[in-house]
Structures are given as structure tokens and as C-alpha cells.
Amino acid sequence: MNFEVALSHLKDGYAVAREGWNGDGIFIKLQVPDEHSKMTQPYIYIDTLGLKTTNPKAPKGRVPWFASQTDLLANDWIVYKG
């Protein structure tokens, strides 16, 4: 699917990923702040905590995500099942 459809899935609460990303276990999600959040607007974050890799130095965590032109124009988006 394209990013427009992937974004719709994010807004519906699903995680999405690109089949072309390096490594399994990487996905993005939409975070909608609540009364306990420091953020005041929704944002997309990338989660690499479940990254499956043989590289012990590969970063694992959650950080805000910013789409590249390649990501925006890609047609290999999928709903991430984990």
C-alpha cells in the first residue's frame, strides 16, 4: 500500500512498516497525547525495540519519526502484525 493508506491505518490505531526497511521488528505508530503527556500534538514514532539483528550495536528504542521522500513515495507499506 502507499503512504496515504498507511497514514489512514496509523490514524485508526494500527502500526505500519515498510517491507523495504532493513531488519524485521521495526514499525511506526501514531501517538496521541493525553493529559499526562509532555507532548501536546499527535506525532509518529518509530519503534525498534523488537529489531531482529546480529549487530549488537544496532540502536533499539522509540524515537519520533520523520518520513523521507522515499518513505512517502513507497508502495511497500504493510500493517505491522509483530
Protein backbone atom coordinates (compact mmCIF):
# COMPACT_ATOMS: atom_id res chain seq x y z
CA MET A 1 0.00 0.00 0.00
CA ASN A 2 1.08 3.61 -0.38
CA PHE A 3 1.74 6.07 2.45
CA GLU A 4 -1.69 7.70 2.18
CA VAL A 5 -3.31 4.37 3.06
CA ALA A 6 -0.64 3.64 5.70
CA LEU A 7 -1.37 7.01 7.32
CA SER A 8 -5.05 6.14 7.45
CA HIS A 9 -4.17 2.91 9.27
CA LEU A 10 -1.97 4.87 11.71
CA LYS A 11 -4.92 7.17 12.47
CA ASP A 12 -7.04 4.06 13.14
CA GLY A 13 -4.52 2.87 15.77
CA TYR A 14 -2.53 0.32 13.76
CA ALA A 15 1.23 0.02 13.48
CA VAL A 16 2.67 0.08 9.95
CA ALA A 17 6.04 -0.75 8.43
CA ARG A 18 7.80 -0.88 5.11
CA GLU A 19 8.79 -4.21 3.62
CA GLY A 20 11.89 -2.44 2.30
CA TRP A 21 13.20 -1.42 5.72
CA ASN A 22 16.41 -3.07 6.91
CA GLY A 23 15.61 -5.59 9.60
CA ASP A 24 12.50 -7.23 10.98
CA GLY A 25 10.78 -5.84 14.04
CA ILE A 26 10.70 -2.15 13.02
CA PHE A 27 7.40 -0.27 12.82
CA ILE A 28 5.86 3.17 13.23
CA LYS A 29 2.79 4.22 15.24
CA LEU A 30 0.84 7.37 15.89
CA GLN A 31 0.96 8.67 19.47
CA VAL A 32 -1.96 10.81 20.56
CA PRO A 33 -1.06 12.72 23.74
CA ASP A 34 -3.26 12.53 26.83
CA GLU A 35 -3.37 14.66 29.99
CA HIS A 36 -0.15 13.01 31.28
CA SER A 37 1.91 13.64 28.12
CA LYS A 38 4.56 16.28 27.72
CA MET A 39 3.71 16.50 24.01
CA THR A 40 0.60 18.45 23.08
CA GLN A 41 0.05 17.30 19.48
CA PRO A 42 -0.10 13.83 17.89
CA TYR A 43 3.17 12.54 16.46
CA ILE A 44 4.52 9.46 14.72
CA TYR A 45 7.28 7.45 16.37
CA ILE A 46 9.42 4.55 15.19
CA ASP A 47 9.85 1.52 17.43
CA THR A 48 12.97 -0.61 17.02
CA LEU A 49 12.79 -2.41 20.38
CA GLY A 50 11.93 -5.68 18.62
CA LEU A 51 14.58 -5.31 15.91
CA LYS A 52 15.98 -8.70 14.92
CA THR A 53 19.62 -8.22 14.01
CA THR A 54 23.04 -9.77 14.51
CA ASN A 55 24.53 -6.31 15.05
CA PRO A 56 24.89 -5.82 18.83
CA LYS A 57 25.41 -2.07 18.29
CA ALA A 58 22.14 -1.53 16.41
CA PRO A 59 20.12 1.07 18.30
CA LYS A 60 16.91 -0.19 19.88
CA GLY A 61 14.32 2.18 21.24
CA ARG A 62 11.48 4.55 20.41
CA VAL A 63 12.03 8.00 18.91
CA PRO A 64 9.99 10.49 16.90
CA TRP A 65 9.96 9.57 13.20
CA PHE A 66 10.23 11.85 10.20
CA ALA A 67 9.36 10.44 6.77
CA SER A 68 11.88 10.62 3.94
CA GLN A 69 10.81 11.25 0.35
CA THR A 70 11.48 7.58 -0.31
CA ASP A 71 9.12 6.60 2.53
CA LEU A 72 6.40 8.99 1.34
CA LEU A 73 6.51 7.68 -2.24
CA ALA A 74 6.93 3.97 -1.41
CA ASN A 75 4.26 1.41 -2.22
CA ASP A 76 5.56 -1.34 0.09
CA TRP A 77 3.79 -0.27 3.30
CA ILE A 78 2.10 -3.02 5.30
CA VAL A 79 0.06 -3.23 8.50
CA TYR A 80 2.58 -4.48 11.06
CA LYS A 81 1.45 -7.62 12.86
CA GLY A 82 4.50 -8.01 15.11
